N, C-alpha and C. Protein backbone atom coordinates (compact mmCIF):
# COMPACT_ATOMS: atom_id res chain seq x y z
N MET A 1 142.76 114.24 113.58
CA MET A 1 142.71 113.35 114.21
C MET A 1 141.74 113.21 115.37
N ASN A 2 140.94 112.20 115.65
CA ASN A 2 139.87 111.90 116.59
C ASN A 2 140.39 111.56 117.99
N SER A 3 139.97 112.51 118.85
CA SER A 3 140.47 112.03 120.25
C SER A 3 139.26 110.67 120.73
N PRO A 4 139.65 110.12 121.46
CA PRO A 4 139.04 108.88 122.38
C PRO A 4 137.25 109.46 122.62
N GLU A 5 137.26 110.94 123.08
CA GLU A 5 136.19 111.32 123.76
C GLU A 5 134.99 111.46 122.52
N SER A 6 135.56 111.73 121.37
CA SER A 6 134.91 112.08 120.09
C SER A 6 134.35 110.81 119.67
N ALA A 7 135.22 110.07 119.78
CA ALA A 7 134.65 108.65 118.81
C ALA A 7 133.95 107.78 119.69
N GLU A 8 133.66 108.13 121.33
CA GLU A 8 132.70 108.07 122.15
C GLU A 8 131.32 108.08 121.60
N ASN A 9 131.48 109.84 121.32
CA ASN A 9 130.09 110.31 121.56
C ASN A 9 129.53 110.18 120.00
N THR A 10 130.27 109.63 118.82
CA THR A 10 129.76 109.29 117.45
C THR A 10 129.08 107.87 117.68
N THR A 11 129.29 107.05 118.46
CA THR A 11 128.97 106.04 118.20
C THR A 11 127.65 105.51 119.72
N ALA A 12 127.63 106.61 120.53
CA ALA A 12 126.42 106.48 121.33
C ALA A 12 125.11 106.51 120.76
N PRO A 13 124.49 105.50 121.03
CA PRO A 13 123.23 105.87 120.44
C PRO A 13 122.23 106.76 120.90
N VAL A 14 121.58 107.43 119.59
CA VAL A 14 120.68 108.26 119.87
C VAL A 14 119.31 107.78 119.37
N CYS A 15 118.22 109.08 119.85
CA CYS A 15 116.76 108.76 119.74
C CYS A 15 116.63 108.94 118.26
N SER A 16 115.57 108.11 117.59
CA SER A 16 115.09 107.81 116.64
C SER A 16 114.15 108.78 116.10
N ALA A 17 113.66 109.63 116.95
CA ALA A 17 112.62 110.74 116.36
C ALA A 17 113.24 111.97 115.77
N LYS A 18 112.50 112.13 114.64
CA LYS A 18 113.03 113.28 113.67
C LYS A 18 113.53 114.12 114.27
N GLY A 19 115.10 114.55 114.09
CA GLY A 19 115.64 115.85 114.40
C GLY A 19 116.07 115.57 115.86
N CYS A 20 115.73 114.54 116.71
CA CYS A 20 116.30 114.22 118.11
C CYS A 20 117.80 113.66 118.13
N ARG A 21 118.60 114.68 118.97
CA ARG A 21 119.95 114.06 119.15
C ARG A 21 120.29 113.46 120.38
N ALA A 22 118.86 113.53 121.12
CA ALA A 22 119.00 112.89 122.70
C ALA A 22 119.89 111.35 122.72
N ASP A 23 120.34 111.31 123.66
CA ASP A 23 120.43 109.81 123.98
C ASP A 23 119.43 108.97 124.51
N ALA A 24 119.69 107.89 123.76
CA ALA A 24 118.50 106.77 123.58
C ALA A 24 118.58 106.41 125.16
N VAL A 25 117.52 106.17 125.70
CA VAL A 25 117.05 105.43 126.87
C VAL A 25 116.42 103.93 126.44
N TRP A 26 115.22 104.17 125.90
CA TRP A 26 114.38 103.13 125.23
C TRP A 26 114.84 102.45 124.01
N VAL A 27 114.32 101.16 123.95
CA VAL A 27 114.30 100.42 122.68
C VAL A 27 112.81 100.03 122.46
N LEU A 28 112.24 100.05 121.54
CA LEU A 28 110.67 100.12 120.59
C LEU A 28 111.25 99.18 120.11
N ALA A 29 110.55 97.59 120.10
CA ALA A 29 110.95 96.98 119.09
C ALA A 29 109.70 96.43 118.31
N TRP A 30 109.76 96.17 117.26
CA TRP A 30 108.43 96.18 116.19
C TRP A 30 108.58 95.67 115.12
N ASN A 31 107.57 95.32 114.72
CA ASN A 31 107.41 94.56 113.21
C ASN A 31 106.58 94.81 112.59
N ASN A 32 106.25 94.85 111.16
CA ASN A 32 105.30 95.16 109.98
C ASN A 32 104.76 94.05 109.77
N PRO A 33 103.67 93.36 110.26
CA PRO A 33 103.56 91.75 109.82
C PRO A 33 103.16 91.57 108.31
N LYS A 34 102.95 92.69 107.66
CA LYS A 34 102.86 92.72 106.11
C LYS A 34 104.06 92.29 105.41
N LEU A 35 105.11 92.64 106.18
CA LEU A 35 106.83 92.64 105.45
C LEU A 35 107.40 91.76 106.19
N HIS A 36 107.18 91.50 107.81
CA HIS A 36 108.12 90.93 108.28
C HIS A 36 107.88 89.46 108.96
N THR A 37 108.62 88.29 109.15
CA THR A 37 108.22 87.26 109.50
C THR A 37 107.82 87.66 111.07
N PRO A 38 106.74 86.67 111.83
CA PRO A 38 106.48 87.20 113.44
C PRO A 38 107.31 87.10 114.22
N GLU A 39 108.30 86.34 114.30
CA GLU A 39 109.73 86.81 115.09
C GLU A 39 110.59 87.78 114.74
N ARG A 40 110.72 88.24 113.40
CA ARG A 40 111.59 89.52 113.26
C ARG A 40 111.11 90.60 113.96
N ARG A 41 112.35 91.53 114.46
CA ARG A 41 112.19 92.80 115.36
C ARG A 41 112.78 93.72 114.94
N LYS A 42 112.26 94.61 114.40
CA LYS A 42 113.10 96.22 114.14
C LYS A 42 113.19 96.79 115.47
N THR A 43 114.08 98.05 115.40
CA THR A 43 114.19 98.87 116.66
C THR A 43 114.06 100.13 116.24
N TRP A 44 113.70 100.94 117.18
CA TRP A 44 113.64 102.10 117.11
C TRP A 44 113.94 102.68 118.69
N LEU A 45 114.95 103.44 118.44
CA LEU A 45 115.55 104.12 119.79
C LEU A 45 115.04 105.30 120.24
N ALA A 46 114.59 105.64 121.56
CA ALA A 46 113.90 106.60 122.15
C ALA A 46 114.35 107.48 123.38
N CYS A 47 114.49 108.39 123.38
CA CYS A 47 114.83 109.25 124.48
C CYS A 47 113.83 109.19 125.58
N GLU A 48 113.58 109.87 126.56
CA GLU A 48 112.50 109.93 127.63
C GLU A 48 111.79 110.50 126.90
N GLU A 49 111.81 111.84 126.61
CA GLU A 49 111.00 112.77 125.87
C GLU A 49 110.12 112.10 124.67
N HIS A 50 110.93 111.20 123.88
CA HIS A 50 109.87 110.61 122.81
C HIS A 50 109.55 109.53 122.98
N ARG A 51 109.74 108.66 124.20
CA ARG A 51 109.27 107.00 124.33
C ARG A 51 107.69 107.11 124.03
N GLU A 52 107.10 107.88 124.68
CA GLU A 52 105.34 107.85 124.15
C GLU A 52 104.95 108.01 122.95
N HIS A 53 105.55 109.19 122.27
CA HIS A 53 105.27 109.33 121.19
C HIS A 53 105.63 108.43 120.16
N LEU A 54 106.77 107.91 119.92
CA LEU A 54 107.19 106.75 119.10
C LEU A 54 106.34 105.44 119.43
N SER A 55 105.84 105.35 121.03
CA SER A 55 105.28 103.84 121.15
C SER A 55 103.77 104.30 120.42
N SER A 56 102.98 105.22 120.75
CA SER A 56 101.89 105.48 119.87
C SER A 56 101.75 105.65 118.63
N PHE A 57 102.80 105.68 118.29
CA PHE A 57 102.94 105.62 116.52
C PHE A 57 102.82 104.36 116.06
N LEU A 58 103.66 103.56 116.73
CA LEU A 58 103.60 102.19 116.26
C LEU A 58 102.75 101.40 116.74
N GLY A 59 101.98 101.74 118.03
CA GLY A 59 101.19 101.09 118.44
C GLY A 59 99.81 101.09 117.76
N ALA A 60 99.67 102.30 117.10
CA ALA A 60 98.28 102.52 116.35
C ALA A 60 98.41 101.89 115.30
N ARG A 61 99.58 101.53 114.53
CA ARG A 61 99.66 100.69 113.66
C ARG A 61 99.14 99.05 113.86
N GLY A 62 99.56 98.80 115.19
CA GLY A 62 99.43 97.14 115.26
C GLY A 62 100.94 96.85 115.28
N PHE A 63 101.88 97.67 114.93
CA PHE A 63 103.51 97.14 115.06
C PHE A 63 104.10 96.92 116.21
N LEU A 64 104.10 97.80 117.45
CA LEU A 64 104.79 97.69 118.50
C LEU A 64 104.47 96.55 119.24
N LYS A 65 105.71 95.84 119.39
CA LYS A 65 105.73 94.39 120.14
C LYS A 65 106.20 94.60 121.38
N ASP A 66 107.38 95.67 121.60
CA ASP A 66 107.95 95.41 123.15
C ASP A 66 108.76 96.67 123.42
N VAL A 67 108.71 97.37 124.46
CA VAL A 67 109.54 98.47 125.00
C VAL A 67 110.22 98.05 126.29
N VAL A 68 111.38 98.02 126.30
CA VAL A 68 112.65 97.85 127.01
C VAL A 68 113.40 98.88 127.46
N THR A 69 114.06 98.97 128.55
CA THR A 69 115.01 100.16 128.50
C THR A 69 116.54 99.73 127.49
N LEU A 70 117.44 100.30 127.12
CA LEU A 70 118.35 100.00 126.40
C LEU A 70 119.42 99.12 127.13
N ALA A 71 119.71 99.38 128.14
CA ALA A 71 120.53 98.49 129.19
C ALA A 71 120.08 96.99 129.01
N GLU A 72 118.58 96.88 129.09
CA GLU A 72 117.87 95.78 129.28
C GLU A 72 117.97 94.97 127.94
N TRP A 73 117.64 95.63 126.89
CA TRP A 73 118.04 95.23 125.37
C TRP A 73 119.12 95.16 125.03
N GLU A 74 120.12 95.38 125.16
CA GLU A 74 121.98 95.20 125.46
C GLU A 74 122.48 94.11 126.28
N SER A 75 121.57 93.58 127.58
CA SER A 75 122.06 92.56 128.09
C SER A 75 121.39 91.55 127.73
N ARG A 76 120.48 91.56 126.88
CA ARG A 76 119.72 90.07 126.10
C ARG A 76 120.88 89.40 125.53
N PRO A 77 120.60 88.03 125.65
CA PRO A 77 121.49 86.94 124.40
C PRO A 77 121.32 87.21 123.08
N ALA A 78 122.40 87.28 122.36
CA ALA A 78 122.22 87.23 120.63
C ALA A 78 121.36 86.12 120.32
N SER A 79 120.55 86.25 119.35
CA SER A 79 119.41 85.18 118.84
C SER A 79 120.59 84.38 118.07
N ALA A 80 120.57 83.04 118.13
CA ALA A 80 121.04 82.03 117.56
C ALA A 80 120.55 81.88 115.94
């Protein structure tokens, strides 16, 4: 049986960098204009250590649209 603490740990957002299991602090909103409509936003999560690396990866391809804190992203109103 899972304890409440273990349930919380499995749902906590983690960094999207390969092999990283650190808590996510940043949301990198992006889209690939060849695949997505202009208003569509895909997201990667980043810890402090990987924010710049992931941002550079997306930015070099022209995909990066926004970088905000996870708290700010979660407080945004849901799209209709």
